[in-house]
């Protein structure tokens, strides 16, 4: 019985170490991308909170060009910062706090 318990403890410890190493590798592999995403999100938030005079919405194409990302990445980051698209016009965005849904 003691051998069974020791074996179970060994398997449990091995599983924990294996999962920890997988998580740590993923953390290191995605660290640079997360840092880049954080910089892009800060820029997007600033752009949406400070639109050009006379404009309430920003074009996705412009936002993507400014932050140096493709449309899919820019859209994902916009959603993450709390922005939303326009119901009537395609590919224009504003902060939900400025343009809440009715």
PDB file of N, CA and C in Angstrom:
ATOM      1  N   UNK A   1       0.812  -1.191   0.000  1.00  0.00           N
ATOM      2  CA  UNK A   1       0.000   0.000   0.000  1.00  0.00           C
ATOM      3  C   UNK A   1       0.859   1.260   0.000  1.00  0.00           C
ATOM      4  N   UNK A   2       1.964   1.248   0.754  1.00  0.00           N
ATOM      5  CA  UNK A   2       2.845   2.408   0.811  1.00  0.00           C
ATOM      6  C   UNK A   2       3.462   2.676  -0.558  1.00  0.00           C
ATOM      7  N   UNK A   3       3.816   1.588  -1.298  1.00  0.00           N
ATOM      8  CA  UNK A   3       4.373   1.771  -2.636  1.00  0.00           C
ATOM      9  C   UNK A   3       3.361   2.428  -3.570  1.00  0.00           C
ATOM     10  N   UNK A   4       2.099   2.043  -3.441  1.00  0.00           N
ATOM     11  CA  UNK A   4       1.043   2.629  -4.266  1.00  0.00           C
ATOM     12  C   UNK A   4       0.916   4.128  -3.999  1.00  0.00           C
ATOM     13  N   UNK A   5       0.934   4.485  -2.718  1.00  0.00           N
ATOM     14  CA  UNK A   5       0.798   5.896  -2.345  1.00  0.00           C
ATOM     15  C   UNK A   5       2.007   6.685  -2.831  1.00  0.00           C
ATOM     16  N   UNK A   6       3.204   6.141  -2.677  1.00  0.00           N
ATOM     17  CA  UNK A   6       4.415   6.827  -3.132  1.00  0.00           C
ATOM     18  C   UNK A   6       4.395   6.979  -4.658  1.00  0.00           C
ATOM     19  N   UNK A   7       3.925   5.955  -5.349  1.00  0.00           N
ATOM     20  CA  UNK A   7       3.813   6.037  -6.804  1.00  0.00           C
ATOM     21  C   UNK A   7       2.823   7.107  -7.232  1.00  0.00           C
ATOM     22  N   UNK A   8       1.690   7.163  -6.539  1.00  0.00           N
ATOM     23  CA  UNK A   8       0.678   8.173  -6.839  1.00  0.00           C
ATOM     24  C   UNK A   8       1.230   9.573  -6.598  1.00  0.00           C
ATOM     25  N   UNK A   9       1.953   9.749  -5.516  1.00  0.00           N
ATOM     26  CA  UNK A   9       2.548  11.055  -5.205  1.00  0.00           C
ATOM     27  C   UNK A   9       3.564  11.435  -6.284  1.00  0.00           C
ATOM     28  N   UNK A  10       4.351  10.465  -6.740  1.00  0.00           N
ATOM     29  CA  UNK A  10       5.330  10.722  -7.796  1.00  0.00           C
ATOM     30  C   UNK A  10       4.654  11.141  -9.102  1.00  0.00           C
ATOM     31  N   UNK A  11       3.583  10.455  -9.462  1.00  0.00           N
ATOM     32  CA  UNK A  11       2.842  10.810 -10.675  1.00  0.00           C
ATOM     33  C   UNK A  11       2.248  12.210 -10.536  1.00  0.00           C
ATOM     34  N   UNK A  12       1.684  12.514  -9.383  1.00  0.00           N
ATOM     35  CA  UNK A  12       1.083  13.824  -9.140  1.00  0.00           C
ATOM     36  C   UNK A  12       2.125  14.934  -9.254  1.00  0.00           C
ATOM     37  N   UNK A  13       3.275  14.740  -8.632  1.00  0.00           N
ATOM     38  CA  UNK A  13       4.349  15.744  -8.691  1.00  0.00           C
ATOM     39  C   UNK A  13       4.843  15.902 -10.123  1.00  0.00           C
ATOM     40  N   UNK A  14       5.001  14.785 -10.830  1.00  0.00           N
ATOM     41  CA  UNK A  14       5.432  14.851 -12.226  1.00  0.00           C
ATOM     42  C   UNK A  14       4.445  15.610 -13.094  1.00  0.00           C
ATOM     43  N   UNK A  15       3.154  15.395 -12.864  1.00  0.00           N
ATOM     44  CA  UNK A  15       2.131  16.103 -13.636  1.00  0.00           C
ATOM     45  C   UNK A  15       2.167  17.600 -13.348  1.00  0.00           C
ATOM     46  N   UNK A  16       2.334  17.973 -12.108  1.00  0.00           N
ATOM     47  CA  UNK A  16       2.395  19.387 -11.728  1.00  0.00           C
ATOM     48  C   UNK A  16       3.615  20.055 -12.368  1.00  0.00           C
ATOM     49  N   UNK A  17       4.765  19.398 -12.314  1.00  0.00           N
ATOM     50  CA  UNK A  17       5.985  19.952 -12.908  1.00  0.00           C
ATOM     51  C   UNK A  17       5.819  20.092 -14.424  1.00  0.00           C
ATOM     52  N   UNK A  18       5.230  19.079 -15.057  1.00  0.00           N
ATOM     53  CA  UNK A  18       5.015  19.123 -16.498  1.00  0.00           C
ATOM     54  C   UNK A  18       4.084  20.272 -16.883  1.00  0.00           C
ATOM     55  N   UNK A  19       2.970  20.415 -16.194  1.00  0.00           N
ATOM     56  CA  UNK A  19       2.040  21.506 -16.478  1.00  0.00           C
ATOM     57  C   UNK A  19       2.682  22.868 -16.226  1.00  0.00           C
ATOM     58  N   UNK A  20       3.456  22.959 -15.176  1.00  0.00           N
ATOM     59  CA  UNK A  20       4.146  24.214 -14.873  1.00  0.00           C
ATOM     60  C   UNK A  20       5.140  24.594 -15.957  1.00  0.00           C
ATOM     61  N   UNK A  21       5.865  23.614 -16.475  1.00  0.00           N
ATOM     62  CA  UNK A  21       6.838  23.924 -17.523  1.00  0.00           C
ATOM     63  C   UNK A  21       6.141  24.306 -18.830  1.00  0.00           C
ATOM     64  N   UNK A  22       5.003  23.671 -19.132  1.00  0.00           N
ATOM     65  CA  UNK A  22       4.242  24.030 -20.334  1.00  0.00           C
ATOM     66  C   UNK A  22       3.723  25.459 -20.212  1.00  0.00           C
ATOM     67  N   UNK A  23       3.158  25.797 -19.046  1.00  0.00           N
ATOM     68  CA  UNK A  23       2.653  27.150 -18.840  1.00  0.00           C
ATOM     69  C   UNK A  23       3.785  28.160 -18.942  1.00  0.00           C
ATOM     70  N   UNK A  24       4.948  27.899 -18.334  1.00  0.00           N
ATOM     71  CA  UNK A  24       6.070  28.832 -18.343  1.00  0.00           C
ATOM     72  C   UNK A  24       6.584  29.044 -19.765  1.00  0.00           C
ATOM     73  N   UNK A  25       6.661  27.988 -20.561  1.00  0.00           N
ATOM     74  CA  UNK A  25       7.089  28.117 -21.955  1.00  0.00           C
ATOM     75  C   UNK A  25       6.106  28.981 -22.729  1.00  0.00           C
ATOM     76  N   UNK A  26       4.806  28.756 -22.538  1.00  0.00           N
ATOM     77  CA  UNK A  26       3.797  29.572 -23.208  1.00  0.00           C
ATOM     78  C   UNK A  26       3.917  31.032 -22.777  1.00  0.00           C
ATOM     79  N   UNK A  27       4.133  31.274 -21.494  1.00  0.00           N
ATOM     80  CA  UNK A  27       4.296  32.629 -20.975  1.00  0.00           C
ATOM     81  C   UNK A  27       5.473  33.327 -21.654  1.00  0.00           C
ATOM     82  N   UNK A  28       6.603  32.642 -21.762  1.00  0.00           N
ATOM     83  CA  UNK A  28       7.774  33.237 -22.408  1.00  0.00           C
ATOM     84  C   UNK A  28       7.554  33.454 -23.895  1.00  0.00           C
ATOM     85  N   UNK A  29       6.887  32.508 -24.553  1.00  0.00           N
ATOM     86  CA  UNK A  29       6.646  32.615 -25.990  1.00  0.00           C
ATOM     87  C   UNK A  29       5.708  33.771 -26.338  1.00  0.00           C
ATOM     88  N   UNK A  30       4.776  34.109 -25.458  1.00  0.00           N
ATOM     89  CA  UNK A  30       3.784  35.139 -25.758  1.00  0.00           C
ATOM     90  C   UNK A  30       4.063  36.480 -25.074  1.00  0.00           C
ATOM     91  N   UNK A  31       5.147  36.560 -24.333  1.00  0.00           N
ATOM     92  CA  UNK A  31       5.466  37.776 -23.579  1.00  0.00           C
ATOM     93  C   UNK A  31       5.622  38.986 -24.498  1.00  0.00           C
ATOM     94  N   UNK A  32       6.365  38.859 -25.581  1.00  0.00           N
ATOM     95  CA  UNK A  32       6.586  39.983 -26.488  1.00  0.00           C
ATOM     96  C   UNK A  32       5.294  40.404 -27.180  1.00  0.00           C
ATOM     97  N   UNK A  33       4.473  39.428 -27.587  1.00  0.00           N
ATOM     98  CA  UNK A  33       3.201  39.754 -28.242  1.00  0.00           C
ATOM     99  C   UNK A  33       2.260  40.483 -27.291  1.00  0.00           C
ATOM    100  N   UNK A  34       2.228  40.065 -26.031  1.00  0.00           N
ATOM    101  CA  UNK A  34       1.382  40.745 -25.052  1.00  0.00           C
ATOM    102  C   UNK A  34       1.847  42.184 -24.841  1.00  0.00           C
ATOM    103  N   UNK A  35       3.155  42.395 -24.800  1.00  0.00           N
ATOM    104  CA  UNK A  35       3.688  43.744 -24.625  1.00  0.00           C
ATOM    105  C   UNK A  35       3.323  44.622 -25.823  1.00  0.00           C
ATOM    106  N   UNK A  36       3.435  44.069 -27.031  1.00  0.00           N
ATOM    107  CA  UNK A  36       3.067  44.812 -28.236  1.00  0.00           C
ATOM    108  C   UNK A  36       1.574  45.123 -28.238  1.00  0.00           C
ATOM    109  N   UNK A  37       0.752  44.143 -27.862  1.00  0.00           N
ATOM    110  CA  UNK A  37      -0.699  44.356 -27.781  1.00  0.00           C
ATOM    111  C   UNK A  37      -1.033  45.457 -26.775  1.00  0.00           C
ATOM    112  N   UNK A  38      -0.344  45.502 -25.656  1.00  0.00           N
ATOM    113  CA  UNK A  38      -0.603  46.531 -24.645  1.00  0.00           C
ATOM    114  C   UNK A  38      -0.288  47.930 -25.198  1.00  0.00           C
ATOM    115  N   UNK A  39       0.814  48.057 -25.937  1.00  0.00           N
ATOM    116  CA  UNK A  39       1.157  49.342 -26.557  1.00  0.00           C
ATOM    117  C   UNK A  39       0.102  49.738 -27.586  1.00  0.00           C
ATOM    118  N   UNK A  40      -0.320  48.772 -28.391  1.00  0.00           N
ATOM    119  CA  UNK A  40      -1.339  49.052 -29.406  1.00  0.00           C
ATOM    120  C   UNK A  40      -2.665  49.446 -28.758  1.00  0.00           C
ATOM    121  N   UNK A  41      -3.049  48.769 -27.682  1.00  0.00           N
ATOM    122  CA  UNK A  41      -4.303  49.099 -27.004  1.00  0.00           C
ATOM    123  C   UNK A  41      -4.263  50.521 -26.439  1.00  0.00           C
ATOM    124  N   UNK A  42      -3.132  50.914 -25.885  1.00  0.00           N
ATOM    125  CA  UNK A  42      -3.002  52.269 -25.351  1.00  0.00           C
ATOM    126  C   UNK A  42      -3.151  53.301 -26.475  1.00  0.00           C
ATOM    127  N   UNK A  43      -2.528  53.031 -27.617  1.00  0.00           N
ATOM    128  CA  UNK A  43      -2.646  53.943 -28.755  1.00  0.00           C
ATOM    129  C   UNK A  43      -4.080  53.998 -29.269  1.00  0.00           C
ATOM    130  N   UNK A  44      -4.734  52.837 -29.393  1.00  0.00           N
ATOM    131  CA  UNK A  44      -6.117  52.808 -29.870  1.00  0.00           C
ATOM    132  C   UNK A  44      -7.043  53.577 -28.932  1.00  0.00           C
ATOM    133  N   UNK A  45      -6.868  53.374 -27.648  1.00  0.00           N
ATOM    134  CA  UNK A  45      -7.706  54.072 -26.677  1.00  0.00           C
ATOM    135  C   UNK A  45      -7.519  55.581 -26.799  1.00  0.00           C
ATOM    136  N   UNK A  46      -6.270  56.016 -26.926  1.00  0.00           N
ATOM    137  CA  UNK A  46      -5.987  57.447 -27.082  1.00  0.00           C
ATOM    138  C   UNK A  46      -6.632  57.990 -28.361  1.00  0.00           C
ATOM    139  N   UNK A  47      -6.518  57.242 -29.455  1.00  0.00           N
ATOM    140  CA  UNK A  47      -7.093  57.683 -30.728  1.00  0.00           C
ATOM    141  C   UNK A  47      -8.611  57.804 -30.653  1.00  0.00           C
ATOM    142  N   UNK A  48      -9.262  56.844 -29.992  1.00  0.00           N
ATOM    143  CA  UNK A  48     -10.721  56.883 -29.896  1.00  0.00           C
ATOM    144  C   UNK A  48     -11.214  57.935 -28.913  1.00  0.00           C
ATOM    145  N   UNK A  49     -10.451  58.200 -27.883  1.00  0.00           N
ATOM    146  CA  UNK A  49     -10.852  59.205 -26.897  1.00  0.00           C
ATOM    147  C   UNK A  49     -10.546  60.624 -27.360  1.00  0.00           C
ATOM    148  N   UNK A  50      -9.725  60.745 -28.409  1.00  0.00           N
ATOM    149  CA  UNK A  50      -9.351  62.057 -28.941  1.00  0.00           C
ATOM    150  C   UNK A  50      -9.505  62.068 -30.460  1.00  0.00           C
ATOM    151  N   UNK A  51     -10.745  61.977 -30.944  1.00  0.00           N
ATOM    152  CA  UNK A  51     -10.943  61.959 -32.392  1.00  0.00           C
ATOM    153  C   UNK A  51     -10.635  63.328 -33.004  1.00  0.00           C
ATOM    154  N   UNK A  52     -10.409  63.361 -34.315  1.00  0.00           N
ATOM    155  CA  UNK A  52     -10.185  64.660 -34.959  1.00  0.00           C
ATOM    156  C   UNK A  52     -11.407  65.566 -34.794  1.00  0.00           C
ATOM    157  N   UNK A  53     -11.217  66.873 -34.838  1.00  0.00           N
ATOM    158  CA  UNK A  53     -12.353  67.786 -34.693  1.00  0.00           C
ATOM    159  C   UNK A  53     -13.449  67.479 -35.717  1.00  0.00           C
ATOM    160  N   UNK A  54     -14.681  67.443 -35.240  1.00  0.00           N
ATOM    161  CA  UNK A  54     -15.816  67.192 -36.111  1.00  0.00           C
ATOM    162  C   UNK A  54     -16.085  65.725 -36.390  1.00  0.00           C
ATOM    163  N   UNK A  55     -15.277  64.833 -35.852  1.00  0.00           N
ATOM    164  CA  UNK A  55     -15.470  63.390 -36.063  1.00  0.00           C
ATOM    165  C   UNK A  55     -15.841  62.739 -34.741  1.00  0.00           C
ATOM    166  N   UNK A  56     -16.772  61.788 -34.795  1.00  0.00           N
ATOM    167  CA  UNK A  56     -17.150  61.033 -33.602  1.00  0.00           C
ATOM    168  C   UNK A  56     -16.716  59.582 -33.698  1.00  0.00           C
ATOM    169  N   UNK A  57     -16.466  59.104 -34.903  1.00  0.00           N
ATOM    170  CA  UNK A  57     -16.100  57.714 -35.152  1.00  0.00           C
ATOM    171  C   UNK A  57     -14.770  57.675 -35.896  1.00  0.00           C
ATOM    172  N   UNK A  58     -13.986  56.611 -35.659  1.00  0.00           N
ATOM    173  CA  UNK A  58     -12.707  56.438 -36.361  1.00  0.00           C
ATOM    174  C   UNK A  58     -12.779  55.224 -37.267  1.00  0.00           C
ATOM    175  N   UNK A  59     -12.215  55.327 -38.454  1.00  0.00           N
ATOM    176  CA  UNK A  59     -12.224  54.222 -39.414  1.00  0.00           C
ATOM    177  C   UNK A  59     -11.250  53.127 -38.977  1.00  0.00           C
ATOM    178  N   UNK A  60     -11.689  51.881 -39.140  1.00  0.00           N
ATOM    179  CA  UNK A  60     -10.843  50.741 -38.802  1.00  0.00           C
ATOM    180  C   UNK A  60      -9.556  50.755 -39.607  1.00  0.00           C
ATOM    181  N   UNK A  61      -9.648  51.092 -40.857  1.00  0.00           N
ATOM    182  CA  UNK A  61      -8.461  51.138 -41.723  1.00  0.00           C
ATOM    183  C   UNK A  61      -7.421  52.110 -41.181  1.00  0.00           C
ATOM    184  N   UNK A  62      -7.866  53.271 -40.735  1.00  0.00           N
ATOM    185  CA  UNK A  62      -6.952  54.270 -40.168  1.00  0.00           C
ATOM    186  C   UNK A  62      -6.341  53.769 -38.867  1.00  0.00           C
ATOM    187  N   UNK A  63      -7.193  53.222 -37.993  1.00  0.00           N
ATOM    188  CA  UNK A  63      -6.701  52.717 -36.707  1.00  0.00           C
ATOM    189  C   UNK A  63      -5.671  51.613 -36.909  1.00  0.00           C
ATOM    190  N   UNK A  64      -5.956  50.681 -37.822  1.00  0.00           N
ATOM    191  CA  UNK A  64      -5.037  49.569 -38.089  1.00  0.00           C
ATOM    192  C   UNK A  64      -3.706  50.090 -38.623  1.00  0.00           C
ATOM    193  N   UNK A  65      -3.766  51.067 -39.513  1.00  0.00           N
ATOM    194  CA  UNK A  65      -2.537  51.623 -40.096  1.00  0.00           C
ATOM    195  C   UNK A  65      -1.694  52.308 -39.023  1.00  0.00           C
ATOM    196  N   UNK A  66      -2.346  53.054 -38.142  1.00  0.00           N
ATOM    197  CA  UNK A  66      -1.607  53.797 -37.117  1.00  0.00           C
ATOM    198  C   UNK A  66      -0.915  52.859 -36.128  1.00  0.00           C
ATOM    199  N   UNK A  67      -1.599  51.790 -35.712  1.00  0.00           N
ATOM    200  CA  UNK A  67      -0.998  50.885 -34.714  1.00  0.00           C
ATOM    201  C   UNK A  67      -0.170  49.774 -35.364  1.00  0.00           C
ATOM    202  N   UNK A  68      -0.194  49.681 -36.683  1.00  0.00           N
ATOM    203  CA  UNK A  68       0.640  48.691 -37.369  1.00  0.00           C
ATOM    204  C   UNK A  68       0.155  47.264 -37.205  1.00  0.00           C
ATOM    205  N   UNK A  69      -1.153  47.077 -37.300  1.00  0.00           N
ATOM    206  CA  UNK A  69      -1.713  45.736 -37.149  1.00  0.00           C
ATOM    207  C   UNK A  69      -2.693  45.468 -38.286  1.00  0.00           C
ATOM    208  N   UNK A  70      -2.990  44.196 -38.505  1.00  0.00           N
ATOM    209  CA  UNK A  70      -3.989  43.858 -39.513  1.00  0.00           C
ATOM    210  C   UNK A  70      -5.386  44.135 -38.954  1.00  0.00           C
ATOM    211  N   UNK A  71      -6.397  44.003 -39.815  1.00  0.00           N
ATOM    212  CA  UNK A  71      -7.761  44.334 -39.393  1.00  0.00           C
ATOM    213  C   UNK A  71      -8.259  43.410 -38.283  1.00  0.00           C
ATOM    214  N   UNK A  72      -7.951  42.124 -38.379  1.00  0.00           N
ATOM    215  CA  UNK A  72      -8.427  41.176 -37.359  1.00  0.00           C
ATOM    216  C   UNK A  72      -7.817  41.488 -35.991  1.00  0.00           C
ATOM    217  N   UNK A  73      -6.528  41.759 -35.965  1.00  0.00           N
ATOM    218  CA  UNK A  73      -5.860  42.081 -34.695  1.00  0.00           C
ATOM    219  C   UNK A  73      -6.391  43.394 -34.136  1.00  0.00           C
ATOM    220  N   UNK A  74      -6.548  44.385 -35.001  1.00  0.00           N
ATOM    221  CA  UNK A  74      -7.054  45.680 -34.545  1.00  0.00           C
ATOM    222  C   UNK A  74      -8.457  45.542 -33.983  1.00  0.00           C
ATOM    223  N   UNK A  75      -9.307  44.775 -34.655  1.00  0.00           N
ATOM    224  CA  UNK A  75     -10.670  44.552 -34.166  1.00  0.00           C
ATOM    225  C   UNK A  75     -10.660  43.878 -32.799  1.00  0.00           C
ATOM    226  N   UNK A  76      -9.810  42.849 -32.635  1.00  0.00           N
ATOM    227  CA  UNK A  76      -9.719  42.157 -31.344  1.00  0.00           C
ATOM    228  C   UNK A  76      -9.294  43.124 -30.246  1.00  0.00           C
ATOM    229  N   UNK A  77      -8.298  43.955 -30.530  1.00  0.00           N
ATOM    230  CA  UNK A  77      -7.813  44.903 -29.533  1.00  0.00           C
ATOM    231  C   UNK A  77      -8.861  45.970 -29.214  1.00  0.00           C
ATOM    232  N   UNK A  78      -9.616  46.394 -30.221  1.00  0.00           N
ATOM    233  CA  UNK A  78     -10.675  47.372 -29.983  1.00  0.00           C
ATOM    234  C   UNK A  78     -11.728  46.822 -29.032  1.00  0.00           C
ATOM    235  N   UNK A  79     -12.127  45.591 -29.229  1.00  0.00           N
ATOM    236  CA  UNK A  79     -13.107  44.967 -28.344  1.00  0.00           C
ATOM    237  C   UNK A  79     -12.536  44.854 -26.927  1.00  0.00           C
ATOM    238  N   UNK A  80     -11.264  44.519 -26.823  1.00  0.00           N
ATOM    239  CA  UNK A  80     -10.636  44.366 -25.510  1.00  0.00           C
ATOM    240  C   UNK A  80     -10.580  45.680 -24.732  1.00  0.00           C
ATOM    241  N   UNK A  81     -10.477  46.822 -25.428  1.00  0.00           N
ATOM    242  CA  UNK A  81     -10.396  48.102 -24.716  1.00  0.00           C
ATOM    243  C   UNK A  81     -11.770  48.714 -24.465  1.00  0.00           C
ATOM    244  N   UNK A  82     -12.824  48.051 -24.936  1.00  0.00           N
ATOM    245  CA  UNK A  82     -14.165  48.559 -24.682  1.00  0.00           C
ATOM    246  C   UNK A  82     -14.702  49.461 -25.770  1.00  0.00           C
ATOM    247  N   UNK A  83     -14.289  49.221 -27.002  1.00  0.00           N
ATOM    248  CA  UNK A  83     -14.810  49.978 -28.131  1.00  0.00           C
ATOM    249  C   UNK A  83     -15.911  49.169 -28.809  1.00  0.00           C
ATOM    250  N   UNK A  84     -16.657  49.831 -29.678  1.00  0.00           N
ATOM    251  CA  UNK A  84     -17.697  49.142 -30.428  1.00  0.00           C
ATOM    252  C   UNK A  84     -17.794  49.728 -31.824  1.00  0.00           C
ATOM    253  N   UNK A  85     -18.341  48.919 -32.717  1.00  0.00           N
ATOM    254  CA  UNK A  85     -18.569  49.367 -34.076  1.00  0.00           C
ATOM    255  C   UNK A  85     -19.899  50.096 -34.189  1.00  0.00           C
ATOM    256  N   UNK A  86     -20.045  50.813 -35.279  1.00  0.00           N
ATOM    257  CA  UNK A  86     -21.259  51.565 -35.561  1.00  0.00           C
ATOM    258  C   UNK A  86     -22.321  50.627 -36.112  1.00  0.00           C
ATOM    259  N   UNK A  87     -23.590  50.835 -35.726  1.00  0.00           N
ATOM    260  CA  UNK A  87     -24.672  49.983 -36.216  1.00  0.00           C
ATOM    261  C   UNK A  87     -24.986  50.246 -37.682  1.00  0.00           C
ATOM    262  N   UNK A  88     -24.831  51.468 -38.143  1.00  0.00           N
ATOM    263  CA  UNK A  88     -25.256  51.841 -39.492  1.00  0.00           C
ATOM    264  C   UNK A  88     -24.117  51.860 -40.505  1.00  0.00           C
ATOM    265  N   UNK A  89     -22.931  52.200 -40.065  1.00  0.00           N
ATOM    266  CA  UNK A  89     -21.800  52.357 -40.983  1.00  0.00           C
ATOM    267  C   UNK A  89     -20.759  51.277 -40.698  1.00  0.00           C
ATOM    268  N   UNK A  90     -20.236  50.680 -41.752  1.00  0.00           N
ATOM    269  CA  UNK A  90     -19.245  49.610 -41.609  1.00  0.00           C
ATOM    270  C   UNK A  90     -17.865  50.158 -41.265  1.00  0.00           C
ATOM    271  N   UNK A  91     -17.149  49.390 -40.470  1.00  0.00           N
ATOM    272  CA  UNK A  91     -15.740  49.624 -40.170  1.00  0.00           C
ATOM    273  C   UNK A  91     -15.424  50.985 -39.565  1.00  0.00           C
ATOM    274  N   UNK A  92     -16.317  51.499 -38.728  1.00  0.00           N
ATOM    275  CA  UNK A  92     -16.001  52.675 -37.925  1.00  0.00           C
ATOM    276  C   UNK A  92     -16.242  52.332 -36.463  1.00  0.00           C
ATOM    277  N   UNK A  93     -15.402  52.870 -35.594  1.00  0.00           N
ATOM    278  CA  UNK A  93     -15.384  52.492 -34.184  1.00  0.00           C
ATOM    279  C   UNK A  93     -15.347  53.709 -33.275  1.00  0.00           C
ATOM    280  N   UNK A  94     -15.876  53.531 -32.065  1.00  0.00           N
ATOM    281  CA  UNK A  94     -15.813  54.535 -30.999  1.00  0.00           C
ATOM    282  C   UNK A  94     -15.817  53.789 -29.664  1.00  0.00           C
ATOM    283  N   UNK A  95     -15.455  54.481 -28.603  1.00  0.00           N
ATOM    284  CA  UNK A  95     -15.499  53.883 -27.278  1.00  0.00           C
ATOM    285  C   UNK A  95     -16.954  53.743 -26.844  1.00  0.00           C
ATOM    286  N   UNK A  96     -17.269  52.629 -26.191  1.00  0.00           N
ATOM    287  CA  UNK A  96     -18.625  52.410 -25.677  1.00  0.00           C
ATOM    288  C   UNK A  96     -19.018  53.496 -24.680  1.00  0.00           C
ATOM    289  N   UNK A  97     -18.053  54.000 -23.946  1.00  0.00           N
ATOM    290  CA  UNK A  97     -18.352  55.044 -22.962  1.00  0.00           C
ATOM    291  C   UNK A  97     -18.815  56.323 -23.654  1.00  0.00           C
ATOM    292  N   UNK A  98     -18.322  56.572 -24.862  1.00  0.00           N
ATOM    293  CA  UNK A  98     -18.725  57.755 -25.620  1.00  0.00           C
ATOM    294  C   UNK A  98     -19.969  57.515 -26.458  1.00  0.00           C
ATOM    295  N   UNK A  99     -20.144  56.289 -26.923  1.00  0.00           N
ATOM    296  CA  UNK A  99     -21.263  55.913 -27.804  1.00  0.00           C
ATOM    297  C   UNK A  99     -21.905  54.631 -27.280  1.00  0.00           C
ATOM    298  N   UNK A 100     -22.625  54.718 -26.167  1.00  0.00           N
ATOM    299  CA  UNK A 100     -23.236  53.491 -25.628  1.00  0.00           C
ATOM    300  C   UNK A 100     -24.323  52.963 -26.559  1.00  0.00           C
ATOM    301  N   UNK A 101     -24.557  51.672 -26.482  1.00  0.00           N
ATOM    302  CA  UNK A 101     -25.642  51.069 -27.257  1.00  0.00           C
ATOM    303  C   UNK A 101     -26.973  51.498 -26.650  1.00  0.00           C
ATOM    304  N   UNK A 102     -27.943  51.765 -27.494  1.00  0.00           N
ATOM    305  CA  UNK A 102     -29.271  52.192 -27.003  1.00  0.00           C
ATOM    306  C   UNK A 102     -30.059  51.008 -26.542  1.00  0.00           C
TER     307      UNK A 102
END
